[in-house]
């Protein structure tokens, strides 16, 4: 996620607190990783789209799926 989502208040302090608590809880799952793209990373593909990192363990290399406007890229 982009660092901005951690600073942009949406729904008020109670909602933000609940959302951050949920993210912290998600880090305890064995199949979830949360990473924050810092402001100083500049422009990146996730600014206008979503992406998924598909990790299949050591059997095959990881794949990144990027959903872009009118275009799906693997």
Protein backbone atom coordinates (compact mmCIF):
# COMPACT_ATOMS: atom_id res chain seq x y z
CA UNK A 1 0.00 0.00 0.00
CA UNK A 2 1.08 3.56 -0.56
CA UNK A 3 2.25 5.44 2.53
CA UNK A 4 -0.41 8.09 1.90
CA UNK A 5 -3.19 5.70 2.97
CA UNK A 6 -1.71 5.64 6.45
CA UNK A 7 -1.93 9.44 6.73
CA UNK A 8 -5.16 10.25 4.90
CA UNK A 9 -7.97 10.33 7.47
CA UNK A 10 -11.14 8.75 6.11
CA UNK A 11 -14.14 8.21 8.38
CA UNK A 12 -12.65 9.87 11.43
CA UNK A 13 -10.24 8.73 14.14
CA UNK A 14 -12.32 5.74 15.28
CA UNK A 15 -12.51 4.31 11.74
CA UNK A 16 -8.81 4.90 11.11
CA UNK A 17 -7.92 3.22 14.40
CA UNK A 18 -10.06 0.18 13.54
CA UNK A 19 -8.52 -0.04 10.05
CA UNK A 20 -4.97 0.14 11.39
CA UNK A 21 -5.78 -2.44 14.04
CA UNK A 22 -7.11 -4.73 11.30
CA UNK A 23 -3.89 -4.34 9.31
CA UNK A 24 -1.82 -5.22 12.37
CA UNK A 25 -3.98 -8.32 12.92
CA UNK A 26 -3.50 -9.32 9.27
CA UNK A 27 0.30 -9.38 9.73
CA UNK A 28 -0.13 -12.33 12.07
CA UNK A 29 -1.56 -14.52 9.30
CA UNK A 30 0.95 -16.95 7.78
CA UNK A 31 -0.13 -16.17 4.20
CA UNK A 32 -0.30 -12.36 4.37
CA UNK A 33 2.42 -9.76 3.94
CA UNK A 34 1.80 -6.05 4.22
CA UNK A 35 4.30 -3.70 2.63
CA UNK A 36 4.22 0.08 2.50
CA UNK A 37 5.60 1.98 -0.48
CA UNK A 38 7.23 5.12 0.99
CA UNK A 39 6.60 8.60 -0.37
CA UNK A 40 10.18 8.89 -1.56
CA UNK A 41 9.68 5.94 -3.94
CA UNK A 42 8.06 8.44 -6.30
CA UNK A 43 5.66 7.38 -9.04
CA UNK A 44 4.92 3.67 -9.29
CA UNK A 45 2.41 1.47 -11.17
CA UNK A 46 0.18 1.02 -8.12
CA UNK A 47 -0.78 4.71 -8.21
CA UNK A 48 -3.30 4.07 -10.99
CA UNK A 49 -3.98 0.37 -10.62
CA UNK A 50 -3.83 -2.62 -8.35
CA UNK A 51 -1.37 -5.44 -8.49
CA UNK A 52 -1.05 -8.88 -6.98
CA UNK A 53 2.10 -10.83 -6.23
CA UNK A 54 1.45 -14.52 -6.77
CA UNK A 55 4.00 -16.60 -4.92
CA UNK A 56 4.04 -20.34 -5.55
CA UNK A 57 6.86 -21.22 -3.20
CA UNK A 58 10.04 -22.66 -4.59
CA UNK A 59 8.27 -24.69 -7.28
CA UNK A 60 8.01 -21.80 -9.77
CA UNK A 61 9.03 -18.13 -9.78
CA UNK A 62 6.68 -15.50 -8.36
CA UNK A 63 4.45 -13.60 -10.80
CA UNK A 64 3.15 -10.04 -10.56
CA UNK A 65 -0.29 -9.38 -12.03
CA UNK A 66 -0.98 -5.70 -12.81
CA UNK A 67 -4.51 -4.53 -13.54
CA UNK A 68 -4.26 -1.47 -15.77
CA UNK A 69 -6.89 0.53 -17.62
CA UNK A 70 -8.00 -1.67 -20.49
CA UNK A 71 -4.95 -3.90 -20.18
CA UNK A 72 -3.99 -6.90 -18.07
CA UNK A 73 -0.24 -7.51 -17.77
CA UNK A 74 1.56 -10.55 -16.42
